[in-house]
Structures are given as structure tokens and as C-alpha cells.
């Protein structure tokens, strides 16, 4: 059976990369908020086709907003999962060290 090895330094680096992406997405998402650069509907004019263009734009804007929110949630979930994994790993390492020290003292006392 293959031995599984956890590299905490790699997980921390990966978590930091995900956090940077989370912050980037959060920053760009603000641009889509009402009243910001991408949160204002452009002028479509008065042609008959402008009403359909307005509806298409609103649907695309809403879909983009929802997808960005889902991406933020996924990134946040991955960060939380990595933090939890690192916490469990550290607890496991502490327990291993305690048990090892106990076994060493048993050997020394024998």
C-alpha cells in the first residue's frame, strides 16, 4: 500500500494562492455592483431592437454576477477545507510526537 504524505508547506502555499484569487474575484465583483463601472446599463437607444438588447444585457449581467458569486463561494470553501486539513494535520503531528516521546521514555526506563 502506498504511503500518503501531506506537505503542509505546499498546502499553505496553495491556500495563499486561493486567497489571492478570492481577493481578486471579490475586488472585480465590486465593479459589477449597481452604480459601479460595470453595474450601469449602457444606453441602448430607442430602436425596436433596443428593448430586446436591454433584456439580453440584464440576463447576461445577472448570470455573470451569479457565476462570480459561486466562484467566490467555491474559493472560500477550498480555503476553509485546506485550513481544516492543516489543523487536523498539526493535531495528528502533535499526537505522534507525544506518543513517540512516551515510547522513548519507556525504552529509556527499561
N, C-alpha and C. Protein backbone atom coordinates (compact mmCIF):
# COMPACT_ATOMS: atom_id res chain seq x y z
N UNK A 1 0.84 -1.17 0.00
CA UNK A 1 0.00 0.00 0.00
C UNK A 1 0.89 1.24 0.00
N UNK A 2 0.54 2.19 -0.82
CA UNK A 2 1.34 3.40 -0.94
C UNK A 2 1.14 4.29 0.29
N UNK A 3 2.22 4.92 0.70
CA UNK A 3 2.17 5.82 1.85
C UNK A 3 1.72 7.19 1.37
N UNK A 4 0.79 7.78 2.09
CA UNK A 4 0.31 9.11 1.75
C UNK A 4 1.06 10.12 2.59
N UNK A 5 1.55 11.15 1.94
CA UNK A 5 2.34 12.16 2.63
C UNK A 5 1.66 13.51 2.43
N UNK A 6 1.51 14.24 3.51
CA UNK A 6 0.93 15.57 3.47
C UNK A 6 2.06 16.58 3.61
N UNK A 7 2.12 17.49 2.68
CA UNK A 7 3.15 18.53 2.72
C UNK A 7 2.48 19.83 3.16
N UNK A 8 2.59 20.20 4.44
CA UNK A 8 1.91 21.39 4.93
C UNK A 8 2.37 22.67 4.23
N UNK A 9 3.64 22.75 3.88
CA UNK A 9 4.14 23.96 3.21
C UNK A 9 3.46 24.13 1.85
N UNK A 10 3.28 23.02 1.13
CA UNK A 10 2.59 23.09 -0.17
C UNK A 10 1.14 23.53 0.03
N UNK A 11 0.46 22.93 1.02
CA UNK A 11 -0.94 23.30 1.29
C UNK A 11 -1.06 24.77 1.66
N UNK A 12 -0.12 25.26 2.45
CA UNK A 12 -0.16 26.68 2.83
C UNK A 12 0.05 27.57 1.61
N UNK A 13 0.97 27.20 0.74
CA UNK A 13 1.21 27.98 -0.48
C UNK A 13 -0.01 27.95 -1.39
N UNK A 14 -0.63 26.78 -1.51
CA UNK A 14 -1.83 26.65 -2.33
C UNK A 14 -2.99 27.46 -1.73
N UNK A 15 -3.12 27.41 -0.41
CA UNK A 15 -4.16 28.20 0.26
C UNK A 15 -3.93 29.69 0.03
N UNK A 16 -2.68 30.12 0.10
CA UNK A 16 -2.37 31.53 -0.13
C UNK A 16 -2.70 31.95 -1.56
N UNK A 17 -2.46 31.06 -2.52
CA UNK A 17 -2.82 31.34 -3.92
C UNK A 17 -4.33 31.45 -4.07
N UNK A 18 -5.06 30.53 -3.43
CA UNK A 18 -6.52 30.60 -3.48
C UNK A 18 -7.04 31.88 -2.82
N UNK A 19 -6.42 32.28 -1.72
CA UNK A 19 -6.82 33.52 -1.04
C UNK A 19 -6.59 34.73 -1.94
N UNK A 20 -5.48 34.73 -2.68
CA UNK A 20 -5.20 35.83 -3.61
C UNK A 20 -6.25 35.86 -4.72
N UNK A 21 -6.63 34.69 -5.21
CA UNK A 21 -7.67 34.63 -6.24
C UNK A 21 -9.02 35.06 -5.69
N UNK A 22 -9.32 34.65 -4.46
CA UNK A 22 -10.56 35.05 -3.80
C UNK A 22 -10.62 36.58 -3.69
N UNK A 23 -9.53 37.20 -3.25
CA UNK A 23 -9.48 38.66 -3.13
C UNK A 23 -9.62 39.34 -4.49
N UNK A 24 -9.00 38.76 -5.53
CA UNK A 24 -9.10 39.32 -6.88
C UNK A 24 -10.54 39.27 -7.37
N UNK A 25 -11.19 38.12 -7.20
CA UNK A 25 -12.57 37.97 -7.65
C UNK A 25 -13.48 38.93 -6.87
N UNK A 26 -13.25 39.04 -5.57
CA UNK A 26 -14.06 39.94 -4.75
C UNK A 26 -13.90 41.39 -5.22
N UNK A 27 -12.67 41.77 -5.52
CA UNK A 27 -12.41 43.13 -6.00
C UNK A 27 -13.10 43.38 -7.34
N UNK A 28 -12.98 42.44 -8.26
CA UNK A 28 -13.59 42.62 -9.59
C UNK A 28 -15.10 42.55 -9.51
N UNK A 29 -15.61 41.77 -8.58
CA UNK A 29 -17.06 41.66 -8.43
C UNK A 29 -17.67 43.00 -8.04
N UNK A 30 -16.93 43.79 -7.30
CA UNK A 30 -17.43 45.11 -6.90
C UNK A 30 -17.69 45.99 -8.12
N UNK A 31 -16.96 45.74 -9.20
CA UNK A 31 -17.17 46.52 -10.42
C UNK A 31 -18.56 46.27 -11.00
N UNK A 32 -19.13 45.09 -10.71
CA UNK A 32 -20.45 44.74 -11.24
C UNK A 32 -21.59 45.24 -10.37
N UNK A 33 -21.27 45.74 -9.18
CA UNK A 33 -22.32 46.21 -8.27
C UNK A 33 -23.03 47.42 -8.86
N UNK A 34 -24.28 47.57 -8.52
CA UNK A 34 -25.10 48.68 -9.03
C UNK A 34 -24.42 50.02 -8.79
N UNK A 35 -24.29 50.79 -9.85
CA UNK A 35 -23.69 52.12 -9.76
C UNK A 35 -22.21 52.16 -10.03
N UNK A 36 -21.52 51.01 -10.03
CA UNK A 36 -20.09 50.98 -10.32
C UNK A 36 -19.86 50.82 -11.82
N UNK A 37 -18.58 50.75 -12.24
CA UNK A 37 -18.21 50.77 -13.65
C UNK A 37 -19.04 49.81 -14.52
N UNK A 38 -19.21 48.58 -14.08
CA UNK A 38 -19.94 47.60 -14.87
C UNK A 38 -21.33 47.33 -14.32
N UNK A 39 -21.77 48.15 -13.40
CA UNK A 39 -23.09 47.97 -12.80
C UNK A 39 -24.10 48.96 -13.32
N UNK A 40 -23.77 49.63 -14.42
CA UNK A 40 -24.68 50.61 -15.02
C UNK A 40 -25.03 50.12 -16.41
N UNK A 41 -26.30 50.05 -16.69
CA UNK A 41 -26.75 49.61 -18.00
C UNK A 41 -26.40 50.66 -19.06
N UNK A 42 -25.79 50.21 -20.16
CA UNK A 42 -25.48 51.17 -21.22
C UNK A 42 -26.75 51.65 -21.91
N UNK A 43 -26.65 52.75 -22.61
CA UNK A 43 -27.79 53.26 -23.36
C UNK A 43 -28.00 52.43 -24.63
N UNK A 44 -29.20 51.93 -24.81
CA UNK A 44 -29.49 51.09 -25.97
C UNK A 44 -30.27 51.82 -27.05
N UNK A 45 -30.62 53.06 -26.80
CA UNK A 45 -31.32 53.82 -27.82
C UNK A 45 -32.81 53.57 -27.81
N UNK A 46 -33.45 54.03 -28.89
CA UNK A 46 -34.91 53.97 -28.96
C UNK A 46 -35.41 53.03 -30.06
N UNK A 47 -34.55 52.31 -30.70
CA UNK A 47 -34.98 51.39 -31.76
C UNK A 47 -35.80 50.25 -31.15
N UNK A 48 -36.57 49.60 -32.01
CA UNK A 48 -37.38 48.48 -31.54
C UNK A 48 -36.51 47.37 -30.94
N UNK A 49 -35.34 47.17 -31.51
CA UNK A 49 -34.46 46.11 -31.03
C UNK A 49 -33.79 46.45 -29.70
N UNK A 50 -33.86 47.70 -29.29
CA UNK A 50 -33.18 48.11 -28.06
C UNK A 50 -33.80 47.45 -26.82
N UNK A 51 -35.12 47.22 -26.85
CA UNK A 51 -35.76 46.58 -25.69
C UNK A 51 -35.23 45.15 -25.50
N UNK A 52 -35.07 44.41 -26.61
CA UNK A 52 -34.53 43.06 -26.52
C UNK A 52 -33.06 43.10 -26.09
N UNK A 53 -32.32 44.07 -26.60
CA UNK A 53 -30.92 44.22 -26.21
C UNK A 53 -30.82 44.50 -24.71
N UNK A 54 -31.72 45.32 -24.20
CA UNK A 54 -31.75 45.64 -22.78
C UNK A 54 -32.03 44.38 -21.94
N UNK A 55 -32.98 43.56 -22.37
CA UNK A 55 -33.30 42.32 -21.66
C UNK A 55 -32.13 41.34 -21.72
N UNK A 56 -31.50 41.23 -22.89
CA UNK A 56 -30.35 40.34 -23.05
C UNK A 56 -29.19 40.78 -22.15
N UNK A 57 -28.96 42.09 -22.09
CA UNK A 57 -27.90 42.62 -21.25
C UNK A 57 -28.18 42.32 -19.78
N UNK A 58 -29.41 42.55 -19.34
CA UNK A 58 -29.76 42.30 -17.94
C UNK A 58 -29.58 40.83 -17.59
N UNK A 59 -29.97 39.92 -18.49
CA UNK A 59 -29.82 38.49 -18.24
C UNK A 59 -28.34 38.10 -18.17
N UNK A 60 -27.53 38.63 -19.08
CA UNK A 60 -26.10 38.32 -19.08
C UNK A 60 -25.43 38.87 -17.82
N UNK A 61 -25.81 40.07 -17.43
CA UNK A 61 -25.25 40.69 -16.22
C UNK A 61 -25.59 39.86 -14.99
N UNK A 62 -26.84 39.42 -14.90
CA UNK A 62 -27.26 38.61 -13.75
C UNK A 62 -26.54 37.27 -13.73
N UNK A 63 -26.39 36.64 -14.88
CA UNK A 63 -25.69 35.36 -14.95
C UNK A 63 -24.22 35.52 -14.56
N UNK A 64 -23.57 36.57 -15.03
CA UNK A 64 -22.18 36.83 -14.66
C UNK A 64 -22.07 37.07 -13.16
N UNK A 65 -22.96 37.87 -12.61
CA UNK A 65 -22.95 38.15 -11.17
C UNK A 65 -23.08 36.86 -10.38
N UNK A 66 -24.05 36.02 -10.75
CA UNK A 66 -24.29 34.76 -10.04
C UNK A 66 -23.08 33.81 -10.15
N UNK A 67 -22.49 33.73 -11.34
CA UNK A 67 -21.33 32.86 -11.52
C UNK A 67 -20.13 33.34 -10.70
N UNK A 68 -19.94 34.64 -10.64
CA UNK A 68 -18.84 35.19 -9.84
C UNK A 68 -19.08 34.93 -8.35
N UNK A 69 -20.32 35.01 -7.91
CA UNK A 69 -20.65 34.72 -6.51
C UNK A 69 -20.38 33.25 -6.20
N UNK A 70 -20.73 32.36 -7.14
CA UNK A 70 -20.46 30.93 -6.96
C UNK A 70 -18.96 30.67 -6.92
N UNK A 71 -18.21 31.34 -7.77
CA UNK A 71 -16.75 31.19 -7.77
C UNK A 71 -16.17 31.64 -6.43
N UNK A 72 -16.63 32.77 -5.93
CA UNK A 72 -16.18 33.23 -4.61
C UNK A 72 -16.48 32.19 -3.53
N UNK A 73 -17.67 31.64 -3.56
CA UNK A 73 -18.05 30.63 -2.57
C UNK A 73 -17.17 29.39 -2.68
N UNK A 74 -16.88 28.97 -3.92
CA UNK A 74 -16.01 27.79 -4.12
C UNK A 74 -14.60 28.05 -3.61
N UNK A 75 -14.05 29.22 -3.92
CA UNK A 75 -12.71 29.56 -3.44
C UNK A 75 -12.68 29.61 -1.92
N UNK A 76 -13.69 30.23 -1.34
CA UNK A 76 -13.76 30.33 0.12
C UNK A 76 -13.85 28.93 0.74
N UNK A 77 -14.67 28.07 0.15
CA UNK A 77 -14.81 26.70 0.65
C UNK A 77 -13.50 25.93 0.58
N UNK A 78 -12.75 26.11 -0.50
CA UNK A 78 -11.46 25.44 -0.63
C UNK A 78 -10.48 25.94 0.43
N UNK A 79 -10.49 27.24 0.68
CA UNK A 79 -9.60 27.81 1.71
C UNK A 79 -9.95 27.24 3.09
N UNK A 80 -11.23 27.17 3.41
CA UNK A 80 -11.66 26.62 4.70
C UNK A 80 -11.26 25.15 4.82
N UNK A 81 -11.44 24.39 3.74
CA UNK A 81 -11.09 22.97 3.75
C UNK A 81 -9.60 22.78 3.97
N UNK A 82 -8.79 23.58 3.31
CA UNK A 82 -7.33 23.48 3.50
C UNK A 82 -6.95 23.85 4.93
N UNK A 83 -7.56 24.91 5.45
CA UNK A 83 -7.28 25.29 6.84
C UNK A 83 -7.66 24.17 7.80
N UNK A 84 -8.80 23.54 7.56
CA UNK A 84 -9.21 22.41 8.40
C UNK A 84 -8.23 21.25 8.28
N UNK A 85 -7.79 20.96 7.05
CA UNK A 85 -6.82 19.87 6.84
C UNK A 85 -5.51 20.16 7.55
N UNK A 86 -5.06 21.39 7.46
CA UNK A 86 -3.82 21.76 8.15
C UNK A 86 -3.98 21.64 9.66
N UNK A 87 -5.14 22.01 10.18
CA UNK A 87 -5.38 21.90 11.62
C UNK A 87 -5.37 20.45 12.07
N UNK A 88 -6.04 19.58 11.31
CA UNK A 88 -6.07 18.15 11.65
C UNK A 88 -4.66 17.57 11.54
N UNK A 89 -3.93 17.99 10.53
CA UNK A 89 -2.56 17.51 10.34
C UNK A 89 -1.69 17.90 11.54
N UNK A 90 -1.81 19.14 11.97
CA UNK A 90 -1.00 19.60 13.09
C UNK A 90 -1.38 18.85 14.38
N UNK A 91 -2.68 18.63 14.58
CA UNK A 91 -3.12 17.85 15.74
C UNK A 91 -2.55 16.44 15.70
N UNK A 92 -2.56 15.84 14.51
CA UNK A 92 -2.03 14.49 14.34
C UNK A 92 -0.53 14.46 14.60
N UNK A 93 0.17 15.46 14.10
CA UNK A 93 1.62 15.52 14.32
C UNK A 93 1.94 15.69 15.80
N UNK A 94 1.16 16.52 16.49
CA UNK A 94 1.37 16.70 17.94
C UNK A 94 1.15 15.39 18.68
N UNK A 95 0.10 14.66 18.32
CA UNK A 95 -0.18 13.37 18.95
C UNK A 95 0.93 12.37 18.66
N UNK A 96 1.40 12.33 17.41
CA UNK A 96 2.51 11.43 17.05
C UNK A 96 3.76 11.74 17.88
N UNK A 97 4.05 13.02 18.02
CA UNK A 97 5.23 13.43 18.78
C UNK A 97 5.09 13.05 20.26
N UNK A 98 3.91 13.26 20.81
CA UNK A 98 3.67 12.89 22.21
C UNK A 98 3.82 11.39 22.42
N UNK A 99 3.23 10.60 21.50
CA UNK A 99 3.34 9.15 21.62
C UNK A 99 4.78 8.68 21.43
N UNK A 100 5.50 9.32 20.52
CA UNK A 100 6.89 8.95 20.29
C UNK A 100 7.73 9.23 21.55
N UNK A 101 7.53 10.40 22.14
CA UNK A 101 8.27 10.75 23.36
C UNK A 101 7.93 9.78 24.49
N UNK A 102 6.67 9.38 24.58
CA UNK A 102 6.26 8.43 25.62
C UNK A 102 6.92 7.08 25.40
N UNK A 103 7.00 6.66 24.14
CA UNK A 103 7.63 5.37 23.84
C UNK A 103 9.12 5.43 24.10
N UNK A 104 9.74 6.58 23.85
CA UNK A 104 11.17 6.75 24.10
C UNK A 104 11.47 6.70 25.60
N UNK A 105 10.60 7.31 26.40
CA UNK A 105 10.82 7.29 27.84
C UNK A 105 10.61 5.88 28.38
N UNK A 106 9.70 5.10 27.78
CA UNK A 106 9.52 3.70 28.18
C UNK A 106 10.77 2.89 27.88
N UNK A 107 11.40 3.15 26.71
CA UNK A 107 12.61 2.43 26.31
C UNK A 107 13.76 2.80 27.25
N UNK A 108 13.88 4.06 27.58
CA UNK A 108 14.96 4.53 28.45
C UNK A 108 14.81 4.00 29.88
N UNK A 109 13.59 3.83 30.32
CA UNK A 109 13.33 3.35 31.68
C UNK A 109 13.45 1.82 31.78
N UNK A 110 13.55 1.15 30.65
CA UNK A 110 13.63 -0.33 30.68
C UNK A 110 15.03 -0.80 30.94
